[in-house]
Protein backbone atom coordinates (compact mmCIF):
# COMPACT_ATOMS: atom_id res chain seq x y z
CA UNK A 1 -16.45 -23.00 -67.46
CA UNK A 2 -17.21 -19.86 -69.31
CA UNK A 3 -18.74 -21.71 -72.39
CA UNK A 4 -20.85 -23.87 -69.87
CA UNK A 5 -22.07 -20.71 -68.09
CA UNK A 6 -22.91 -19.00 -71.63
CA UNK A 7 -24.69 -22.43 -72.52
CA UNK A 8 -26.76 -22.41 -69.48
CA UNK A 9 -27.87 -18.77 -70.11
CA UNK A 10 -28.51 -19.08 -73.87
CA UNK A 11 -30.48 -22.28 -73.41
CA UNK A 12 -33.08 -20.53 -71.23
CA UNK A 13 -33.22 -18.08 -74.13
CA UNK A 14 -33.86 -20.71 -76.57
CA UNK A 15 -30.49 -20.89 -78.39
CA UNK A 16 -28.23 -23.79 -78.60
CA UNK A 17 -24.42 -23.85 -78.57
CA UNK A 18 -22.20 -26.44 -80.84
CA UNK A 19 -19.33 -26.99 -78.40
CA UNK A 20 -17.07 -28.28 -81.27
CA UNK A 21 -17.65 -25.41 -83.65
CA UNK A 22 -18.04 -22.14 -81.81
CA UNK A 23 -18.47 -19.14 -83.87
CA UNK A 24 -15.76 -16.49 -84.14
CA UNK A 25 -18.22 -14.12 -82.69
CA UNK A 26 -18.81 -16.20 -79.67
CA UNK A 27 -15.07 -16.70 -78.97
CA UNK A 28 -14.44 -13.01 -79.34
CA UNK A 29 -17.11 -12.35 -76.99
CA UNK A 30 -15.61 -14.50 -74.38
CA UNK A 31 -12.09 -13.15 -74.93
CA UNK A 32 -13.24 -9.63 -74.56
CA UNK A 33 -15.78 -10.12 -71.74
CA UNK A 34 -14.91 -8.12 -68.51
CA UNK A 35 -16.42 -8.21 -65.14
CA UNK A 36 -15.27 -5.22 -63.04
CA UNK A 37 -15.15 -5.91 -59.20
CA UNK A 38 -14.23 -9.57 -59.69
CA UNK A 39 -10.61 -10.67 -59.13
CA UNK A 40 -9.68 -7.13 -60.39
CA UNK A 41 -6.29 -5.72 -60.22
CA UNK A 42 -5.99 -1.97 -60.70
CA UNK A 43 -2.90 0.39 -60.14
CA UNK A 44 -3.86 3.45 -58.20
CA UNK A 45 -4.37 6.49 -60.48
CA UNK A 46 -2.55 8.80 -58.10
CA UNK A 47 0.13 6.56 -56.81
CA UNK A 48 0.62 3.90 -59.49
CA UNK A 49 4.09 2.54 -58.56
CA UNK A 50 3.50 2.45 -54.95
CA UNK A 51 -0.31 1.31 -54.51
CA UNK A 52 -2.17 -1.53 -56.18
CA UNK A 53 -5.91 -2.37 -55.61
CA UNK A 54 -7.08 -5.95 -55.75
CA UNK A 55 -10.80 -5.70 -55.95
CA UNK A 56 -13.40 -8.59 -55.47
CA UNK A 57 -17.02 -8.20 -54.64
CA UNK A 58 -17.31 -11.35 -52.49
CA UNK A 59 -19.94 -11.17 -49.80
CA UNK A 60 -20.67 -14.80 -49.14
CA UNK A 61 -18.53 -17.48 -47.18
CA UNK A 62 -17.94 -19.43 -50.12
CA UNK A 63 -17.13 -16.26 -52.52
CA UNK A 64 -14.96 -14.95 -49.58
CA UNK A 65 -12.82 -18.19 -49.52
CA UNK A 66 -12.38 -18.05 -53.20
CA UNK A 67 -11.67 -14.22 -53.40
CA UNK A 68 -9.26 -14.35 -50.33
CA UNK A 69 -7.33 -17.27 -51.87
CA UNK A 70 -7.08 -15.42 -55.16
CA UNK A 71 -5.54 -12.36 -53.33
CA UNK A 72 -2.94 -14.48 -51.66
CA UNK A 73 -1.77 -15.85 -55.09
CA UNK A 74 -1.77 -12.32 -56.74
CA UNK A 75 -0.36 -10.09 -53.98
CA UNK A 76 3.43 -9.26 -53.92
CA UNK A 77 4.83 -10.95 -50.64
CA UNK A 78 7.26 -8.21 -50.40
CA UNK A 79 4.54 -5.53 -50.04
CA UNK A 80 2.78 -4.34 -47.21
CA UNK A 81 -0.89 -5.24 -47.21
CA UNK A 82 -4.18 -3.48 -46.38
CA UNK A 83 -7.73 -4.83 -46.06
CA UNK A 84 -10.79 -2.58 -47.01
CA UNK A 85 -13.82 -4.34 -46.04
CA UNK A 86 -17.56 -4.03 -45.26
CA UNK A 87 -20.71 -6.17 -45.14
CA UNK A 88 -23.73 -4.12 -43.82
CA UNK A 89 -26.66 -6.74 -43.74
CA UNK A 90 -25.06 -10.33 -43.37
CA UNK A 91 -23.89 -12.38 -40.56
CA UNK A 92 -20.40 -10.84 -40.67
CA UNK A 93 -18.44 -12.98 -38.03
CA UNK A 94 -18.14 -16.14 -40.20
CA UNK A 95 -17.24 -13.91 -43.39
CA UNK A 96 -14.39 -12.40 -41.28
CA UNK A 97 -13.30 -15.72 -39.81
CA UNK A 98 -13.23 -17.38 -43.22
CA UNK A 99 -11.10 -14.21 -44.81
CA UNK A 100 -8.69 -14.39 -41.95
CA UNK A 101 -8.14 -18.06 -42.40
CA UNK A 102 -7.29 -18.11 -45.83
CA UNK A 103 -4.88 -15.20 -45.31
CA UNK A 104 -3.04 -16.78 -42.26
CA UNK A 105 -3.13 -20.15 -44.28
CA UNK A 106 -0.90 -18.46 -47.13
CA UNK A 107 1.34 -17.05 -44.38
CA UNK A 108 0.50 -13.59 -44.91
CA UNK A 109 -0.97 -10.67 -42.70
CA UNK A 110 -2.60 -7.46 -43.22
CA UNK A 111 -0.70 -4.47 -41.76
CA UNK A 112 -3.83 -2.27 -41.66
CA UNK A 113 -7.48 -3.37 -41.68
CA UNK A 114 -10.13 -0.83 -42.66
CA UNK A 115 -13.92 -1.04 -42.01
CA UNK A 116 -16.21 1.51 -43.84
CA UNK A 117 -19.73 1.90 -44.55
CA UNK A 118 -20.93 1.67 -48.19
CA UNK A 119 -21.46 5.45 -48.10
CA UNK A 120 -19.70 6.67 -51.10
CA UNK A 121 -18.37 10.11 -50.77
CA UNK A 122 -16.99 12.20 -47.33
CA UNK A 123 -20.01 14.35 -47.86
CA UNK A 124 -22.31 11.72 -46.95
CA UNK A 125 -23.95 11.12 -50.45
CA UNK A 126 -24.05 7.71 -52.26
CA UNK A 127 -23.18 7.40 -55.94
CA UNK A 128 -26.38 7.05 -57.99
CA UNK A 129 -27.94 3.22 -57.83
CA UNK A 130 -25.67 2.23 -54.92
CA UNK A 131 -28.11 2.86 -52.01
CA UNK A 132 -29.09 -0.26 -50.39
CA UNK A 133 -32.71 -0.28 -49.05
CA UNK A 134 -31.95 -2.89 -46.49
CA UNK A 135 -29.76 -0.67 -44.33
CA UNK A 136 -30.58 1.38 -41.45
CA UNK A 137 -29.42 5.13 -41.77
CA UNK A 138 -29.10 5.30 -37.99
CA UNK A 139 -26.92 2.02 -37.94
CA UNK A 140 -24.83 3.40 -40.83
CA UNK A 141 -24.27 6.55 -39.03
CA UNK A 142 -23.44 5.21 -35.68
CA UNK A 143 -20.98 2.76 -37.44
CA UNK A 144 -22.31 -0.01 -35.36
CA UNK A 145 -21.67 -2.76 -37.78
CA UNK A 146 -18.03 -1.44 -38.48
CA UNK A 147 -17.13 -1.51 -34.80
CA UNK A 148 -18.45 -5.04 -34.47
CA UNK A 149 -16.31 -5.92 -37.38
CA UNK A 150 -13.10 -4.24 -35.92
CA UNK A 151 -13.71 -6.49 -32.79
CA UNK A 152 -14.14 -9.61 -34.70
CA UNK A 153 -10.97 -9.09 -36.32
CA UNK A 154 -9.25 -7.96 -33.32
CA UNK A 155 -10.19 -11.32 -31.70
CA UNK A 156 -8.32 -12.91 -34.49
CA UNK A 157 -5.29 -10.71 -35.13
CA UNK A 158 -4.06 -8.32 -32.43
CA UNK A 159 -1.06 -7.02 -34.54
CA UNK A 160 -2.51 -5.29 -37.46
CA UNK A 161 -3.82 -1.75 -37.09
CA UNK A 162 -7.61 -1.23 -37.34
CA UNK A 163 -9.32 1.58 -38.71
CA UNK A 164 -12.90 2.64 -38.96
CA UNK A 165 -14.14 5.13 -41.55
CA UNK A 166 -17.54 6.52 -42.21
CA UNK A 167 -17.24 6.51 -46.00
CA UNK A 168 -15.20 4.96 -49.00
CA UNK A 169 -13.73 8.22 -50.03
CA UNK A 170 -12.23 8.83 -46.72
CA UNK A 171 -10.91 5.14 -46.74
CA UNK A 172 -9.24 5.50 -50.01
CA UNK A 173 -7.71 8.85 -49.01
CA UNK A 174 -6.13 7.35 -45.92
CA UNK A 175 -4.85 4.50 -47.66
CA UNK A 176 -3.05 6.93 -49.91
CA UNK A 177 -1.41 8.35 -46.98
CA UNK A 178 0.39 5.15 -45.98
CA UNK A 179 3.82 4.30 -46.96
CA UNK A 180 4.08 1.81 -49.80
CA UNK A 181 4.46 -0.45 -51.82
CA UNK A 182 0.91 -1.34 -50.81
CA UNK A 183 -1.43 -4.01 -52.14
CA UNK A 184 -5.06 -3.48 -50.77
CA UNK A 185 -7.71 -6.07 -50.93
CA UNK A 186 -11.33 -4.42 -51.43
CA UNK A 187 -13.92 -6.94 -50.49
CA UNK A 188 -17.04 -7.98 -48.67
CA UNK A 189 -19.93 -6.36 -50.55
CA UNK A 190 -20.68 -5.52 -54.10
CA UNK A 191 -21.94 -2.11 -52.81
CA UNK A 192 -18.65 -1.31 -51.40
CA UNK A 193 -16.90 -2.42 -54.53
CA UNK A 194 -19.09 -0.34 -56.79
CA UNK A 195 -18.79 2.64 -54.59
CA UNK A 196 -15.12 2.26 -54.50
CA UNK A 197 -14.59 1.94 -58.21
CA UNK A 198 -16.71 5.41 -58.53
CA UNK A 199 -14.35 7.00 -55.87
CA UNK A 200 -11.34 5.59 -57.87
CA UNK A 201 -12.80 7.23 -60.87
CA UNK A 202 -12.68 10.47 -58.87
CA UNK A 203 -16.15 11.72 -60.65
CA UNK A 204 -18.47 12.78 -57.97
CA UNK A 205 -21.84 13.15 -59.32
CA UNK A 206 -24.12 12.75 -56.28
């Protein structure tokens, strides 16, 4: 599949690929390619043995299905699980329903479910290049979308503990207070994933 994707892109640029004789550079490029925020697993830099982040920028029904199925195969069934989720602009109820369906089908559950905005830092600042022009500042500050998402999840799952936070940094810090070992699934938005990776790096520039 990786070769086919590269072929489709390169053909638009006027290049051709010989499937039977791939160059050393081409193969090395595929082997070394990284896609942060897609099916990515990272130990927490502060609680490495107790906290693992499973990150996927899934934000459509189809990608949510694929991402959640990946998480069910990657998580340690003996660990507690946490969901960190946001989707600020799309129709969120079908996305939440799809996510829950796949977790339930794998006979898994989330102990904690966190809904946050895409605001990066607890100061209210965004990391550079992560501000979405399609979101209303008033809607973000009121946590209107997050409250709806928590309500939708509660209709499906009464047992998990639901939390709503204004920003990603506060969400991450809260997760770090929970007793582990923990596997945390971060998904729902590329803006969320981008901001989360910045917070995990710990370098506030905004």
